[in-house]
Structures are given as structure tokens and as C-alpha cells.
Amino acid sequence: MPNEPSEPGRSSSHLVLIPSYNPGPKVFATVRDALRVWAPVWVVIDGSTDESAQRLSAMAVAEPGLRVFVLPRNRGKGAAVLFGLRQAQACGFTHVLSMDSDGQHPVERIQAFMQASLARPDAMVLGCPVFDASAPALRVKGRQISNWWANLETLWAGIHDSLYGFRVYPVEALIAIMRRQLWMRRFDFDVEAVVRLCWHGVPPINLPAAVRYFSLEEGGVSHFNYWRDNVLLTWMHFRLFWGFILRLPLLGARRLLSKGGPPQGQNR
């Protein structure tokens, strides 16, 4: 396989991209643990004010596999990811694994996701969350609504979870999509990215990945605002639904043609 790392955890085509905004103390362990299993690891500091930028930049001086970008003001997760995507493309990388900086995502699954992407570079590799007792019931049940809409908007192309941000994206396809959109820059990024990538013809591969919610006492930080972010998601699905209606003939034809091929949204 031409782009497969020549040694474990080293790659010239795939990198770990961690957008970060005031993430709390978990970010340092998250970055260190990611570096133990993969390199390079890039962190995009999205206007943080908690001094994490200084500490991570100091880590990067001593760690050649780590690169830190500091944005002057907070622009949102999607904007931070887009910045990282453009930098990755300029350096010749073809895929990024995006993960949160707050310790919720499982670094031990990085290699499995990267290997799945190396085997199917045309696809996106989506995390399917495995929740434990720490997961808030409202968040677990509430995401089912967004998942249903995302599957309708893609004519059930195989998205098992539309909100979980532990994913491998093809760089060129995602940049092309985001370049044409004014949206996808904040909390709406994760859902809209997978829907529009499906519209673009990028097939999903779904892999299980644990998710952990930390309490404040454990160093957990959440920037989720129930009313603001759900209003944003509602507006996003309104826009995507009409985009789905316009693309329905194409999506229907693609679905019919796919019935003779491999199953969509395959699991591993």
C-alpha cells in the first residue's frame, strides 16, 4: 500500500488534527497520548484564553511530531478544522483524523481508524460512539433526532452517527465543500460535513469508538450551550433538507445503482 506508514504511527499522508478552544487540563494528556500512537499531530488553538497555547507551543519545541497553530480569535470548530485542512493540503497530506482536545475521544483507536482510511482512501471513517455511564442521557437521546435527519438528508447512505467528531476526512473533498459554504464553521460542522460529503459521493465507513464525559472535578470542560447550539442545528437541518430535495433525483439514482455493489455505511 503506497501511503502506509513505513513504521508504526508515522505517516506522510495522514495526520491527527485537534481543534482546541479553552479545553481544560485534559488537552495536554490528549496530545501526549496521541503522539504515542501517531505522528504528526497538529493542534489548532482557536483563540483560547486559558494559556493552553503557550504550554502546547512549548511542547512542540521538544516534540518534532507536534505542530501547533495559534489563531488570534475564536472562530468556531469548523473554522479551526478548515484552517488545519488547508495547512495539511499545502504540506501534501491527503487525510486528517479530527478529534476533540478535551479527552473525550479514544486515542487508542487512532491507528485503527487510520488503517481503515489507508485501505479505503476514497471514504470517510466515522466514529460510532460507545457510551458509558458518564454520558448525559439528554445528550444521548437528543443526538438520535439529528441522526435521523442526517440519514433522511442522505437517503440513508450509511451515517451511523452524525455528531461524533472522531473521524478521518479526505482533505481535498472536505475543503472543496467548505469553500462553497458560509456555514459549517461552528457547532454545525460535524453534521453538515458528513451530509455534504455523502452528497459529494464520499462513502462512510463506521467504526466503534468509546466516548467519555468527564465531570468538572475530573477536569472536564464543555462549551455546549443547549439552546444556542440546538437552534443552530435546527437551522442547519432546515437548510440541508431543502438541499436534499434538490438532490433527491441524484441521490435516488445513486442509491439504486449501489444496490448491486457493496453495502453502504459498512462496519468493521
Foldseek 3Di string as FASTA:
>chain_A
DVFDDPDFAETQAEEEEEEDAQQWPQLVVVCVLLSVGHFQYEYEDQQHDPCPQVVLVVVCVVDVRYYYHYDNHHFADQQSVLVVLVVSVVSPHFKYFYAYRNPFWDSVCVVVQVVVCVVPVLAKEDEQEDEDPQDDPCVVVVQVVLVVLLCVLLVNLADNGQQHRGMMDGSVLQNVVVVVDPDLGHSQVRNVSVSVVSVVVHFYAYEYTYTHADDVVRGGDDPDDPPVSVVVSVVVSVVSNVVSVVCVVVSVVVVVVCVVDDRTNHYD
